[in-house]
Amino acid sequence: MTDGVNRFLGDSIGRTIIKLIVVSVIVGFVMRIFGIYPYDIIEGIRHFFQDIWHKGFAALGQFGDYLLLGASVVIPLFIILRLLNMRK
């Protein structure tokens, strides 16, 4: 049973929890610096689809803005996870 859980998590339960805590703190810090809150992300997605509906496909120009916003969270996460994986 433990082997299956470790295989699913990719590491032991304790180390996975520590990694998730560290990454959560870092992502929270980055999001706080940029003034991004989970509600803002949900509202942004909702507004994006409303804009597509109301303005047509001209709203797809906002795609680049969403790409940069998402990259501001995803790229640091990717780098941190890769750095944590290098220690193995």
N, C-alpha and C. Protein backbone atom coordinates (compact mmCIF):
# COMPACT_ATOMS: atom_id res chain seq x y z
N MET A 1 0.83 -1.20 0.00
CA MET A 1 0.00 0.00 0.00
C MET A 1 0.87 1.25 0.00
N THR A 2 1.90 1.27 0.85
CA THR A 2 2.77 2.44 0.95
C THR A 2 3.52 2.65 -0.35
N ASP A 3 3.95 1.54 -0.98
CA ASP A 3 4.66 1.67 -2.26
C ASP A 3 3.78 2.30 -3.33
N GLY A 4 2.51 1.94 -3.35
CA GLY A 4 1.59 2.52 -4.31
C GLY A 4 1.38 4.00 -4.09
N VAL A 5 1.27 4.40 -2.82
CA VAL A 5 1.10 5.82 -2.50
C VAL A 5 2.37 6.59 -2.87
N ASN A 6 3.52 6.03 -2.51
CA ASN A 6 4.79 6.70 -2.85
C ASN A 6 4.97 6.80 -4.36
N ARG A 7 4.57 5.78 -5.08
CA ARG A 7 4.68 5.82 -6.54
C ARG A 7 3.75 6.89 -7.11
N PHE A 8 2.54 6.99 -6.56
CA PHE A 8 1.59 8.00 -7.02
C PHE A 8 2.10 9.41 -6.73
N LEU A 9 2.64 9.64 -5.52
CA LEU A 9 3.12 10.96 -5.13
C LEU A 9 4.48 11.29 -5.72
N GLY A 10 5.24 10.27 -6.10
CA GLY A 10 6.57 10.50 -6.65
C GLY A 10 7.65 10.56 -5.59
N ASP A 11 7.28 10.46 -4.34
CA ASP A 11 8.21 10.52 -3.22
C ASP A 11 7.46 10.08 -1.98
N SER A 12 8.11 10.12 -0.83
CA SER A 12 7.42 9.76 0.40
C SER A 12 6.37 10.82 0.73
N ILE A 13 5.45 10.45 1.58
CA ILE A 13 4.37 11.36 1.94
C ILE A 13 4.92 12.61 2.62
N GLY A 14 5.84 12.44 3.54
CA GLY A 14 6.41 13.57 4.26
C GLY A 14 7.13 14.55 3.35
N ARG A 15 7.97 14.02 2.46
CA ARG A 15 8.71 14.89 1.54
C ARG A 15 7.76 15.59 0.57
N THR A 16 6.73 14.89 0.13
CA THR A 16 5.76 15.51 -0.77
C THR A 16 5.03 16.65 -0.08
N ILE A 17 4.67 16.46 1.18
CA ILE A 17 3.99 17.52 1.92
C ILE A 17 4.91 18.73 2.09
N ILE A 18 6.18 18.49 2.41
CA ILE A 18 7.15 19.58 2.56
C ILE A 18 7.30 20.33 1.24
N LYS A 19 7.43 19.60 0.14
CA LYS A 19 7.55 20.24 -1.18
C LYS A 19 6.33 21.10 -1.49
N LEU A 20 5.14 20.55 -1.22
CA LEU A 20 3.92 21.29 -1.50
C LEU A 20 3.82 22.55 -0.64
N ILE A 21 4.26 22.47 0.61
CA ILE A 21 4.24 23.64 1.47
C ILE A 21 5.19 24.71 0.95
N VAL A 22 6.42 24.30 0.58
CA VAL A 22 7.41 25.27 0.08
C VAL A 22 6.92 25.92 -1.21
N VAL A 23 6.42 25.12 -2.14
CA VAL A 23 5.94 25.66 -3.41
C VAL A 23 4.73 26.56 -3.18
N SER A 24 3.86 26.18 -2.27
CA SER A 24 2.68 27.01 -1.97
C SER A 24 3.08 28.36 -1.41
N VAL A 25 4.07 28.37 -0.52
CA VAL A 25 4.53 29.64 0.04
C VAL A 25 5.14 30.51 -1.04
N ILE A 26 5.94 29.92 -1.90
CA ILE A 26 6.59 30.69 -2.97
C ILE A 26 5.56 31.23 -3.95
N VAL A 27 4.61 30.40 -4.36
CA VAL A 27 3.58 30.86 -5.29
C VAL A 27 2.73 31.94 -4.63
N GLY A 28 2.40 31.75 -3.35
CA GLY A 28 1.64 32.77 -2.64
C GLY A 28 2.39 34.09 -2.57
N PHE A 29 3.70 34.01 -2.33
CA PHE A 29 4.53 35.21 -2.28
C PHE A 29 4.54 35.92 -3.63
N VAL A 30 4.75 35.15 -4.70
CA VAL A 30 4.79 35.73 -6.05
C VAL A 30 3.44 36.34 -6.41
N MET A 31 2.38 35.62 -6.10
CA MET A 31 1.06 36.15 -6.42
C MET A 31 0.76 37.40 -5.60
N ARG A 32 1.22 37.44 -4.36
CA ARG A 32 1.01 38.63 -3.52
C ARG A 32 1.78 39.82 -4.08
N ILE A 33 3.01 39.58 -4.56
CA ILE A 33 3.81 40.65 -5.14
C ILE A 33 3.08 41.26 -6.35
N PHE A 34 2.51 40.41 -7.17
CA PHE A 34 1.82 40.88 -8.37
C PHE A 34 0.39 41.31 -8.09
N GLY A 35 -0.06 41.15 -6.85
CA GLY A 35 -1.42 41.55 -6.50
C GLY A 35 -2.48 40.64 -7.11
N ILE A 36 -2.14 39.39 -7.28
CA ILE A 36 -3.06 38.42 -7.88
C ILE A 36 -3.65 37.56 -6.76
N TYR A 37 -4.95 37.43 -6.77
CA TYR A 37 -5.63 36.60 -5.80
C TYR A 37 -6.46 35.56 -6.55
N PRO A 38 -6.73 34.41 -5.94
CA PRO A 38 -7.49 33.37 -6.65
C PRO A 38 -8.81 33.89 -7.22
N TYR A 39 -9.49 34.74 -6.49
CA TYR A 39 -10.74 35.29 -7.00
C TYR A 39 -10.49 36.10 -8.27
N ASP A 40 -9.38 36.83 -8.33
CA ASP A 40 -9.05 37.61 -9.52
C ASP A 40 -8.83 36.71 -10.73
N ILE A 41 -8.21 35.56 -10.51
CA ILE A 41 -7.97 34.62 -11.61
C ILE A 41 -9.30 34.09 -12.14
N ILE A 42 -10.18 33.70 -11.23
CA ILE A 42 -11.49 33.19 -11.64
C ILE A 42 -12.28 34.28 -12.36
N GLU A 43 -12.26 35.48 -11.81
CA GLU A 43 -12.96 36.59 -12.46
C GLU A 43 -12.34 36.91 -13.83
N GLY A 44 -11.03 36.82 -13.93
CA GLY A 44 -10.37 37.06 -15.21
C GLY A 44 -10.80 36.06 -16.27
N ILE A 45 -10.90 34.81 -15.88
CA ILE A 45 -11.35 33.77 -16.82
C ILE A 45 -12.79 34.03 -17.22
N ARG A 46 -13.62 34.39 -16.24
CA ARG A 46 -15.03 34.68 -16.54
C ARG A 46 -15.15 35.87 -17.48
N HIS A 47 -14.38 36.94 -17.22
CA HIS A 47 -14.41 38.11 -18.09
C HIS A 47 -13.89 37.78 -19.48
N PHE A 48 -12.89 36.92 -19.55
CA PHE A 48 -12.35 36.51 -20.85
C PHE A 48 -13.44 35.88 -21.72
N PHE A 49 -14.18 34.93 -21.14
CA PHE A 49 -15.24 34.28 -21.92
C PHE A 49 -16.41 35.23 -22.20
N GLN A 50 -16.69 36.14 -21.29
CA GLN A 50 -17.71 37.14 -21.57
C GLN A 50 -17.28 38.05 -22.72
N ASP A 51 -16.01 38.44 -22.72
CA ASP A 51 -15.51 39.28 -23.81
C ASP A 51 -15.59 38.56 -25.15
N ILE A 52 -15.25 37.29 -25.16
CA ILE A 52 -15.37 36.52 -26.41
C ILE A 52 -16.83 36.52 -26.88
N TRP A 53 -17.73 36.32 -25.95
CA TRP A 53 -19.14 36.28 -26.30
C TRP A 53 -19.63 37.64 -26.79
N HIS A 54 -19.25 38.71 -26.10
CA HIS A 54 -19.77 40.04 -26.43
C HIS A 54 -19.02 40.71 -27.58
N LYS A 55 -17.75 40.51 -27.66
CA LYS A 55 -16.95 41.20 -28.67
C LYS A 55 -16.53 40.31 -29.81
N GLY A 56 -16.81 39.06 -29.71
CA GLY A 56 -16.36 38.15 -30.75
C GLY A 56 -14.91 37.77 -30.51
N PHE A 57 -14.27 37.35 -31.57
CA PHE A 57 -12.91 36.84 -31.43
C PHE A 57 -11.86 37.93 -31.33
N ALA A 58 -12.25 39.19 -31.34
CA ALA A 58 -11.30 40.28 -31.09
C ALA A 58 -10.76 40.20 -29.66
N ALA A 59 -11.52 39.59 -28.78
CA ALA A 59 -11.09 39.44 -27.39
C ALA A 59 -9.92 38.48 -27.25
N LEU A 60 -9.65 37.69 -28.28
CA LEU A 60 -8.53 36.76 -28.21
C LEU A 60 -7.18 37.49 -28.15
N GLY A 61 -7.20 38.79 -28.42
CA GLY A 61 -5.98 39.57 -28.25
C GLY A 61 -5.53 39.59 -26.80
N GLN A 62 -6.45 39.35 -25.89
CA GLN A 62 -6.10 39.27 -24.48
C GLN A 62 -5.39 37.97 -24.14
N PHE A 63 -5.33 37.07 -25.09
CA PHE A 63 -4.67 35.79 -24.86
C PHE A 63 -3.23 35.98 -24.40
N GLY A 64 -2.53 36.93 -25.00
CA GLY A 64 -1.14 37.21 -24.61
C GLY A 64 -1.04 37.69 -23.17
N ASP A 65 -2.00 38.51 -22.75
CA ASP A 65 -2.02 38.96 -21.36
C ASP A 65 -2.20 37.78 -20.40
N TYR A 66 -3.11 36.88 -20.74
CA TYR A 66 -3.33 35.72 -19.91
C TYR A 66 -2.12 34.79 -19.93
N LEU A 67 -1.47 34.71 -21.07
CA LEU A 67 -0.27 33.89 -21.18
C LEU A 67 0.81 34.41 -20.25
N LEU A 68 1.04 35.71 -20.24
CA LEU A 68 2.05 36.30 -19.37
C LEU A 68 1.68 36.16 -17.90
N LEU A 69 0.41 36.32 -17.59
CA LEU A 69 -0.05 36.17 -16.22
C LEU A 69 0.18 34.74 -15.73
N GLY A 70 -0.21 33.79 -16.55
CA GLY A 70 0.00 32.39 -16.17
C GLY A 70 1.46 32.02 -16.09
N ALA A 71 2.26 32.56 -17.02
CA ALA A 71 3.69 32.26 -17.02
C ALA A 71 4.36 32.81 -15.77
N SER A 72 3.83 33.89 -15.22
CA SER A 72 4.42 34.46 -14.00
C SER A 72 4.28 33.51 -12.82
N VAL A 73 3.34 32.59 -12.89
CA VAL A 73 3.19 31.60 -11.83
C VAL A 73 3.84 30.28 -12.24
N VAL A 74 3.64 29.87 -13.49
CA VAL A 74 4.07 28.54 -13.92
C VAL A 74 5.59 28.44 -14.06
N ILE A 75 6.23 29.44 -14.64
CA ILE A 75 7.68 29.36 -14.87
C ILE A 75 8.44 29.26 -13.55
N PRO A 76 8.17 30.10 -12.55
CA PRO A 76 8.87 29.91 -11.28
C PRO A 76 8.59 28.55 -10.64
N LEU A 77 7.35 28.08 -10.74
CA LEU A 77 7.03 26.75 -10.21
C LEU A 77 7.85 25.67 -10.91
N PHE A 78 7.94 25.77 -12.22
CA PHE A 78 8.69 24.79 -12.99
C PHE A 78 10.15 24.80 -12.57
N ILE A 79 10.74 25.97 -12.46
CA ILE A 79 12.16 26.08 -12.08
C ILE A 79 12.38 25.51 -10.68
N ILE A 80 11.50 25.84 -9.75
CA ILE A 80 11.64 25.35 -8.39
C ILE A 80 11.50 23.84 -8.34
N LEU A 81 10.53 23.30 -9.04
CA LEU A 81 10.35 21.85 -9.05
C LEU A 81 11.54 21.15 -9.69
N ARG A 82 12.09 21.73 -10.75
CA ARG A 82 13.27 21.13 -11.39
C ARG A 82 14.47 21.19 -10.45
N LEU A 83 14.63 22.30 -9.74
CA LEU A 83 15.74 22.41 -8.77
C LEU A 83 15.58 21.39 -7.65
N LEU A 84 14.36 21.20 -7.18
CA LEU A 84 14.13 20.22 -6.14
C LEU A 84 14.37 18.80 -6.66
N ASN A 85 14.08 18.53 -7.92
CA ASN A 85 14.31 17.22 -8.50
C ASN A 85 15.77 16.95 -8.78
N MET A 86 16.59 17.99 -8.92
CA MET A 86 18.01 17.80 -9.20
C MET A 86 18.73 17.21 -8.00
N ARG A 87 18.19 17.37 -6.81
CA ARG A 87 18.85 16.87 -5.61
C ARG A 87 18.77 15.36 -5.49
N LYS A 88 17.97 14.72 -6.29
CA LYS A 88 17.82 13.26 -6.20
C LYS A 88 19.02 12.56 -6.78
